[in-house]
Amino acid sequence: NAKNTMYLQMNNLKPEDTAVYYCTGTNPA
């Protein structure tokens, strides 16, 4: 929160993980 940043560490990646990845607040507001 201090850096206004969120992360996703992805290990043991598989071909089916291929995609465009997005981030956002999850609640409608």
PDB file of all heavy atoms in Angstrom:
ATOM      1  N   ASN A   1       0.813  -1.212   0.000  1.00  0.00           N
ATOM      2  CA  ASN A   1       0.000   0.000   0.000  1.00  0.00           C
ATOM      3  C   ASN A   1       0.851   1.268   0.000  1.00  0.00           C
ATOM      4  O   ASN A   1       0.456   2.282  -0.572  1.00  0.00           O
ATOM      5  CB  ASN A   1      -0.945   0.005   1.200  1.00  0.00           C
ATOM      6  CG  ASN A   1      -2.032  -1.043   1.094  1.00  0.00           C
ATOM      7  OD1 ASN A   1      -2.379  -1.490  -0.004  1.00  0.00           O
ATOM      8  ND2 ASN A   1      -2.587  -1.439   2.232  1.00  0.00           N
ATOM      9  N   ALA A   2       2.014   1.222   0.635  1.00  0.00           N
ATOM     10  CA  ALA A   2       2.887   2.388   0.683  1.00  0.00           C
ATOM     11  C   ALA A   2       3.413   2.758  -0.693  1.00  0.00           C
ATOM     12  O   ALA A   2       3.714   3.923  -0.956  1.00  0.00           O
ATOM     13  CB  ALA A   2       4.044   2.151   1.644  1.00  0.00           C
ATOM     14  N   LYS A   3       3.541   1.772  -1.576  1.00  0.00           N
ATOM     15  CA  LYS A   3       4.029   2.001  -2.928  1.00  0.00           C
ATOM     16  C   LYS A   3       2.915   2.016  -3.963  1.00  0.00           C
ATOM     17  O   LYS A   3       3.190   2.129  -5.160  1.00  0.00           O
ATOM     18  CB  LYS A   3       5.062   0.943  -3.304  1.00  0.00           C
ATOM     19  CG  LYS A   3       6.326   0.980  -2.454  1.00  0.00           C
ATOM     20  CD  LYS A   3       7.326  -0.069  -2.909  1.00  0.00           C
ATOM     21  CE  LYS A   3       8.600   0.005  -2.092  1.00  0.00           C
ATOM     22  NZ  LYS A   3       9.591  -1.012  -2.519  1.00  0.00           N
ATOM     23  N   ASN A   4       1.677   1.876  -3.516  1.00  0.00           N
ATOM     24  CA  ASN A   4       0.518   1.853  -4.413  1.00  0.00           C
ATOM     25  C   ASN A   4       0.682   0.799  -5.508  1.00  0.00           C
ATOM     26  O   ASN A   4       0.360   1.032  -6.674  1.00  0.00           O
ATOM     27  CB  ASN A   4       0.281   3.235  -5.031  1.00  0.00           C
ATOM     28  CG  ASN A   4      -0.031   4.287  -3.997  1.00  0.00           C
ATOM     29  OD1 ASN A   4      -0.681   4.010  -2.988  1.00  0.00           O
ATOM     30  ND2 ASN A   4       0.420   5.514  -4.235  1.00  0.00           N
ATOM     31  N   THR A   5       1.172  -0.352  -5.106  1.00  0.00           N
ATOM     32  CA  THR A   5       1.522  -1.389  -6.067  1.00  0.00           C
ATOM     33  C   THR A   5       1.032  -2.752  -5.608  1.00  0.00           C
ATOM     34  O   THR A   5       1.075  -3.077  -4.414  1.00  0.00           O
ATOM     35  CB  THR A   5       3.041  -1.448  -6.280  1.00  0.00           C
ATOM     36  OG1 THR A   5       3.513  -0.161  -6.700  1.00  0.00           O
ATOM     37  CG2 THR A   5       3.405  -2.472  -7.345  1.00  0.00           C
ATOM     38  N   MET A   6       0.568  -3.548  -6.561  1.00  0.00           N
ATOM     39  CA  MET A   6       0.188  -4.926  -6.325  1.00  0.00           C
ATOM     40  C   MET A   6       1.036  -5.821  -7.217  1.00  0.00           C
ATOM     41  O   MET A   6       1.433  -5.422  -8.310  1.00  0.00           O
ATOM     42  CB  MET A   6      -1.301  -5.137  -6.624  1.00  0.00           C
ATOM     43  CG  MET A   6      -1.792  -6.551  -6.350  1.00  0.00           C
ATOM     44  SD  MET A   6      -3.594  -6.748  -6.578  1.00  0.00           S
ATOM     45  CE  MET A   6      -3.753  -6.440  -8.336  1.00  0.00           C
ATOM     46  N   TYR A   7       1.298  -7.039  -6.754  1.00  0.00           N
ATOM     47  CA  TYR A   7       2.163  -7.952  -7.480  1.00  0.00           C
ATOM     48  C   TYR A   7       1.494  -9.310  -7.662  1.00  0.00           C
ATOM     49  O   TYR A   7       0.608  -9.702  -6.908  1.00  0.00           O
ATOM     50  CB  TYR A   7       3.481  -8.169  -6.734  1.00  0.00           C
ATOM     51  CG  TYR A   7       4.231  -6.909  -6.403  1.00  0.00           C
ATOM     52  CD1 TYR A   7       4.083  -6.296  -5.158  1.00  0.00           C
ATOM     53  CD2 TYR A   7       5.090  -6.328  -7.329  1.00  0.00           C
ATOM     54  CE1 TYR A   7       4.774  -5.135  -4.847  1.00  0.00           C
ATOM     55  CE2 TYR A   7       5.784  -5.167  -7.026  1.00  0.00           C
ATOM     56  CZ  TYR A   7       5.620  -4.577  -5.782  1.00  0.00           C
ATOM     57  OH  TYR A   7       6.307  -3.429  -5.478  1.00  0.00           O
ATOM     58  N   LEU A   8       1.955 -10.031  -8.664  1.00  0.00           N
ATOM     59  CA  LEU A   8       1.569 -11.418  -8.859  1.00  0.00           C
ATOM     60  C   LEU A   8       2.820 -12.202  -9.226  1.00  0.00           C
ATOM     61  O   LEU A   8       3.332 -12.067 -10.340  1.00  0.00           O
ATOM     62  CB  LEU A   8       0.513 -11.572  -9.952  1.00  0.00           C
ATOM     63  CG  LEU A   8      -0.007 -12.996 -10.157  1.00  0.00           C
ATOM     64  CD1 LEU A   8      -0.807 -13.455  -8.937  1.00  0.00           C
ATOM     65  CD2 LEU A   8      -0.865 -13.096 -11.414  1.00  0.00           C
ATOM     66  N   GLN A   9       3.315 -12.993  -8.286  1.00  0.00           N
ATOM     67  CA  GLN A   9       4.440 -13.875  -8.546  1.00  0.00           C
ATOM     68  C   GLN A   9       3.906 -15.165  -9.152  1.00  0.00           C
ATOM     69  O   GLN A   9       3.067 -15.838  -8.546  1.00  0.00           O
ATOM     70  CB  GLN A   9       5.204 -14.177  -7.253  1.00  0.00           C
ATOM     71  CG  GLN A   9       6.372 -15.133  -7.422  1.00  0.00           C
ATOM     72  CD  GLN A   9       7.488 -14.561  -8.257  1.00  0.00           C
ATOM     73  OE1 GLN A   9       7.891 -13.416  -8.059  1.00  0.00           O
ATOM     74  NE2 GLN A   9       7.999 -15.340  -9.205  1.00  0.00           N
ATOM     75  N   MET A  10       4.375 -15.502 -10.334  1.00  0.00           N
ATOM     76  CA  MET A  10       3.888 -16.656 -11.071  1.00  0.00           C
ATOM     77  C   MET A  10       5.031 -17.645 -11.246  1.00  0.00           C
ATOM     78  O   MET A  10       6.024 -17.342 -11.902  1.00  0.00           O
ATOM     79  CB  MET A  10       3.338 -16.234 -12.433  1.00  0.00           C
ATOM     80  CG  MET A  10       2.326 -15.091 -12.362  1.00  0.00           C
ATOM     81  SD  MET A  10       1.920 -14.387 -13.989  1.00  0.00           S
ATOM     82  CE  MET A  10       1.051 -15.752 -14.728  1.00  0.00           C
ATOM     83  N   ASN A  11       4.893 -18.826 -10.650  1.00  0.00           N
ATOM     84  CA  ASN A  11       5.900 -19.872 -10.744  1.00  0.00           C
ATOM     85  C   ASN A  11       5.331 -21.091 -11.458  1.00  0.00           C
ATOM     86  O   ASN A  11       4.119 -21.281 -11.524  1.00  0.00           O
ATOM     87  CB  ASN A  11       6.385 -20.280  -9.354  1.00  0.00           C
ATOM     88  CG  ASN A  11       7.047 -19.155  -8.600  1.00  0.00           C
ATOM     89  OD1 ASN A  11       7.718 -18.306  -9.193  1.00  0.00           O
ATOM     90  ND2 ASN A  11       6.884 -19.139  -7.284  1.00  0.00           N
ATOM     91  N   ASN A  12       6.232 -21.921 -11.965  1.00  0.00           N
ATOM     92  CA  ASN A  12       5.839 -23.146 -12.665  1.00  0.00           C
ATOM     93  C   ASN A  12       4.778 -22.867 -13.723  1.00  0.00           C
ATOM     94  O   ASN A  12       3.735 -23.517 -13.779  1.00  0.00           O
ATOM     95  CB  ASN A  12       5.344 -24.191 -11.664  1.00  0.00           C
ATOM     96  CG  ASN A  12       5.196 -25.568 -12.277  1.00  0.00           C
ATOM     97  OD1 ASN A  12       5.857 -25.898 -13.268  1.00  0.00           O
ATOM     98  ND2 ASN A  12       4.316 -26.387 -11.698  1.00  0.00           N
ATOM     99  N   LEU A  13       5.065 -21.918 -14.569  1.00  0.00           N
ATOM    100  CA  LEU A  13       4.100 -21.506 -15.588  1.00  0.00           C
ATOM    101  C   LEU A  13       3.859 -22.609 -16.608  1.00  0.00           C
ATOM    102  O   LEU A  13       4.762 -23.376 -16.953  1.00  0.00           O
ATOM    103  CB  LEU A  13       4.583 -20.238 -16.281  1.00  0.00           C
ATOM    104  CG  LEU A  13       4.430 -18.964 -15.444  1.00  0.00           C
ATOM    105  CD1 LEU A  13       5.302 -17.843 -15.990  1.00  0.00           C
ATOM    106  CD2 LEU A  13       2.966 -18.533 -15.411  1.00  0.00           C
ATOM    107  N   LYS A  14       2.623 -22.656 -17.091  1.00  0.00           N
ATOM    108  CA  LYS A  14       2.187 -23.650 -18.054  1.00  0.00           C
ATOM    109  C   LYS A  14       1.674 -22.957 -19.314  1.00  0.00           C
ATOM    110  O   LYS A  14       1.260 -21.800 -19.258  1.00  0.00           O
ATOM    111  CB  LYS A  14       1.079 -24.519 -17.458  1.00  0.00           C
ATOM    112  CG  LYS A  14       1.458 -25.219 -16.164  1.00  0.00           C
ATOM    113  CD  LYS A  14       0.283 -25.974 -15.574  1.00  0.00           C
ATOM    114  CE  LYS A  14       0.664 -26.676 -14.289  1.00  0.00           C
ATOM    115  NZ  LYS A  14      -0.496 -27.415 -13.702  1.00  0.00           N
ATOM    116  N   PRO A  15       1.683 -23.652 -20.451  1.00  0.00           N
ATOM    117  CA  PRO A  15       1.172 -23.036 -21.677  1.00  0.00           C
ATOM    118  C   PRO A  15      -0.243 -22.486 -21.535  1.00  0.00           C
ATOM    119  O   PRO A  15      -0.555 -21.450 -22.135  1.00  0.00           O
ATOM    120  CB  PRO A  15       1.235 -24.177 -22.693  1.00  0.00           C
ATOM    121  CG  PRO A  15       2.375 -25.019 -22.226  1.00  0.00           C
ATOM    122  CD  PRO A  15       2.285 -24.975 -20.720  1.00  0.00           C
ATOM    123  N   GLU A  16      -1.084 -23.142 -20.750  1.00  0.00           N
ATOM    124  CA  GLU A  16      -2.448 -22.672 -20.571  1.00  0.00           C
ATOM    125  C   GLU A  16      -2.545 -21.389 -19.756  1.00  0.00           C
ATOM    126  O   GLU A  16      -3.633 -20.813 -19.633  1.00  0.00           O
ATOM    127  CB  GLU A  16      -3.328 -23.763 -19.933  1.00  0.00           C
ATOM    128  CG  GLU A  16      -2.728 -24.378 -18.679  1.00  0.00           C
ATOM    129  CD  GLU A  16      -1.985 -25.674 -18.949  1.00  0.00           C
ATOM    130  OE1 GLU A  16      -1.237 -25.738 -19.941  1.00  0.00           O
ATOM    131  OE2 GLU A  16      -2.164 -26.643 -18.172  1.00  0.00           O
ATOM    132  N   ASP A  17      -1.423 -20.932 -19.192  1.00  0.00           N
ATOM    133  CA  ASP A  17      -1.398 -19.644 -18.506  1.00  0.00           C
ATOM    134  C   ASP A  17      -1.258 -18.480 -19.481  1.00  0.00           C
ATOM    135  O   ASP A  17      -1.336 -17.320 -19.063  1.00  0.00           O
ATOM    136  CB  ASP A  17      -0.250 -19.590 -17.497  1.00  0.00           C
ATOM    137  CG  ASP A  17      -0.420 -20.572 -16.353  1.00  0.00           C
ATOM    138  OD1 ASP A  17      -1.556 -20.726 -15.855  1.00  0.00           O
ATOM    139  OD2 ASP A  17       0.587 -21.187 -15.945  1.00  0.00           O
ATOM    140  N   THR A  18      -1.026 -18.782 -20.741  1.00  0.00           N
ATOM    141  CA  THR A  18      -0.875 -17.740 -21.744  1.00  0.00           C
ATOM    142  C   THR A  18      -2.144 -16.895 -21.828  1.00  0.00           C
ATOM    143  O   THR A  18      -3.230 -17.411 -22.078  1.00  0.00           O
ATOM    144  CB  THR A  18      -0.561 -18.353 -23.111  1.00  0.00           C
ATOM    145  OG1 THR A  18       0.701 -19.029 -23.054  1.00  0.00           O
ATOM    146  CG2 THR A  18      -0.485 -17.270 -24.186  1.00  0.00           C
ATOM    147  N   ALA A  19      -1.993 -15.595 -21.619  1.00  0.00           N
ATOM    148  CA  ALA A  19      -3.130 -14.684 -21.610  1.00  0.00           C
ATOM    149  C   ALA A  19      -2.619 -13.267 -21.399  1.00  0.00           C
ATOM    150  O   ALA A  19      -1.445 -13.048 -21.095  1.00  0.00           O
ATOM    151  CB  ALA A  19      -4.111 -15.051 -20.495  1.00  0.00           C
ATOM    152  N   VAL A  20      -3.520 -12.311 -21.545  1.00  0.00           N
ATOM    153  CA  VAL A  20      -3.251 -10.945 -21.133  1.00  0.00           C
ATOM    154  C   VAL A  20      -3.738 -10.800 -19.701  1.00  0.00           C
ATOM    155  O   VAL A  20      -4.888 -11.135 -19.397  1.00  0.00           O
ATOM    156  CB  VAL A  20      -3.944  -9.916 -22.041  1.00  0.00           C
ATOM    157  CG1 VAL A  20      -3.649  -8.497 -21.561  1.00  0.00           C
ATOM    158  CG2 VAL A  20      -3.480 -10.089 -23.484  1.00  0.00           C
ATOM    159  N   TYR A  21      -2.886 -10.314 -18.825  1.00  0.00           N
ATOM    160  CA  TYR A  21      -3.201 -10.199 -17.418  1.00  0.00           C
ATOM    161  C   TYR A  21      -3.508  -8.751 -17.051  1.00  0.00           C
ATOM    162  O   TYR A  21      -2.775  -7.836 -17.435  1.00  0.00           O
ATOM    163  CB  TYR A  21      -2.045 -10.731 -16.563  1.00  0.00           C
ATOM    164  CG  TYR A  21      -1.965 -12.238 -16.557  1.00  0.00           C
ATOM    165  CD1 TYR A  21      -1.541 -12.932 -17.690  1.00  0.00           C
ATOM    166  CD2 TYR A  21      -2.329 -12.976 -15.431  1.00  0.00           C
ATOM    167  CE1 TYR A  21      -1.494 -14.313 -17.707  1.00  0.00           C
ATOM    168  CE2 TYR A  21      -2.277 -14.357 -15.441  1.00  0.00           C
ATOM    169  CZ  TYR A  21      -1.857 -15.023 -16.575  1.00  0.00           C
ATOM    170  OH  TYR A  21      -1.803 -16.404 -16.582  1.00  0.00           O
ATOM    171  N   TYR A  22      -4.588  -8.564 -16.299  1.00  0.00           N
ATOM    172  CA  TYR A  22      -5.061  -7.243 -15.908  1.00  0.00           C
ATOM    173  C   TYR A  22      -5.181  -7.155 -14.391  1.00  0.00           C
ATOM    174  O   TYR A  22      -5.377  -8.160 -13.717  1.00  0.00           O
ATOM    175  CB  TYR A  22      -6.439  -6.958 -16.511  1.00  0.00           C
ATOM    176  CG  TYR A  22      -6.525  -7.066 -18.015  1.00  0.00           C
ATOM    177  CD1 TYR A  22      -6.787  -8.290 -18.631  1.00  0.00           C
ATOM    178  CD2 TYR A  22      -6.371  -5.942 -18.817  1.00  0.00           C
ATOM    179  CE1 TYR A  22      -6.881  -8.397 -20.007  1.00  0.00           C
ATOM    180  CE2 TYR A  22      -6.467  -6.038 -20.192  1.00  0.00           C
ATOM    181  CZ  TYR A  22      -6.723  -7.266 -20.779  1.00  0.00           C
ATOM    182  OH  TYR A  22      -6.822  -7.357 -22.155  1.00  0.00           O
ATOM    183  N   CYS A  23      -5.110  -5.939 -13.865  1.00  0.00           N
ATOM    184  CA  CYS A  23      -5.334  -5.721 -12.452  1.00  0.00           C
ATOM    185  C   CYS A  23      -6.353  -4.605 -12.257  1.00  0.00           C
ATOM    186  O   CYS A  23      -6.477  -3.701 -13.088  1.00  0.00           O
ATOM    187  CB  CYS A  23      -4.031  -5.382 -11.716  1.00  0.00           C
ATOM    188  SG  CYS A  23      -3.264  -3.818 -12.191  1.00  0.00           S
ATOM    189  N   THR A  24      -7.089  -4.681 -11.152  1.00  0.00           N
ATOM    190  CA  THR A  24      -8.101  -3.673 -10.857  1.00  0.00           C
ATOM    191  C   THR A  24      -8.630  -3.881  -9.446  1.00  0.00           C
ATOM    192  O   THR A  24      -8.382  -4.909  -8.821  1.00  0.00           O
ATOM    193  CB  THR A  24      -9.271  -3.743 -11.853  1.00  0.00           C
ATOM    194  OG1 THR A  24     -10.165  -2.647 -11.631  1.00  0.00           O
ATOM    195  CG2 THR A  24     -10.033  -5.054 -11.692  1.00  0.00           C
ATOM    196  N   GLY A  25      -9.357  -2.898  -8.937  1.00  0.00           N
ATOM    197  CA  GLY A  25     -10.129  -3.112  -7.735  1.00  0.00           C
ATOM    198  C   GLY A  25     -11.276  -4.039  -8.062  1.00  0.00           C
ATOM    199  O   GLY A  25     -11.887  -3.932  -9.130  1.00  0.00           O
ATOM    200  N   THR A  26     -11.592  -4.963  -7.170  1.00  0.00           N
ATOM    201  CA  THR A  26     -12.590  -5.981  -7.488  1.00  0.00           C
ATOM    202  C   THR A  26     -14.018  -5.557  -7.165  1.00  0.00           C
ATOM    203  O   THR A  26     -14.957  -6.055  -7.791  1.00  0.00           O
ATOM    204  CB  THR A  26     -12.277  -7.292  -6.762  1.00  0.00           C
ATOM    205  OG1 THR A  26     -12.228  -7.060  -5.350  1.00  0.00           O
ATOM    206  CG2 THR A  26     -10.940  -7.852  -7.224  1.00  0.00           C
ATOM    207  N   ASN A  27     -14.198  -4.688  -6.198  1.00  0.00           N
ATOM    208  CA  ASN A  27     -15.540  -4.219  -5.874  1.00  0.00           C
ATOM    209  C   ASN A  27     -15.999  -3.176  -6.889  1.00  0.00           C
ATOM    210  O   ASN A  27     -15.186  -2.413  -7.417  1.00  0.00           O
ATOM    211  CB  ASN A  27     -15.585  -3.630  -4.470  1.00  0.00           C
ATOM    212  CG  ASN A  27     -15.387  -4.681  -3.398  1.00  0.00           C
ATOM    213  OD1 ASN A  27     -15.481  -5.874  -3.646  1.00  0.00           O
ATOM    214  ND2 ASN A  27     -15.112  -4.232  -2.182  1.00  0.00           N
ATOM    215  N   PRO A  28     -17.304  -3.127  -7.170  1.00  0.00           N
ATOM    216  CA  PRO A  28     -17.798  -2.175  -8.176  1.00  0.00           C
ATOM    217  C   PRO A  28     -17.369  -0.737  -7.928  1.00  0.00           C
ATOM    218  O   PRO A  28     -17.035  -0.023  -8.882  1.00  0.00           O
ATOM    219  CB  PRO A  28     -19.317  -2.333  -8.070  1.00  0.00           C
ATOM    220  CG  PRO A  28     -19.512  -3.741  -7.630  1.00  0.00           C
ATOM    221  CD  PRO A  28     -18.378  -4.008  -6.682  1.00  0.00           C
ATOM    222  N   ALA A  29     -17.336  -0.299  -6.675  1.00  0.00           N
ATOM    223  CA  ALA A  29     -16.968   1.073  -6.369  1.00  0.00           C
ATOM    224  C   ALA A  29     -15.503   1.374  -6.665  1.00  0.00           C
ATOM    225  O   ALA A  29     -15.131   2.538  -6.821  1.00  0.00           O
ATOM    226  CB  ALA A  29     -17.263   1.375  -4.905  1.00  0.00           C
TER     227      ALA A  29
END
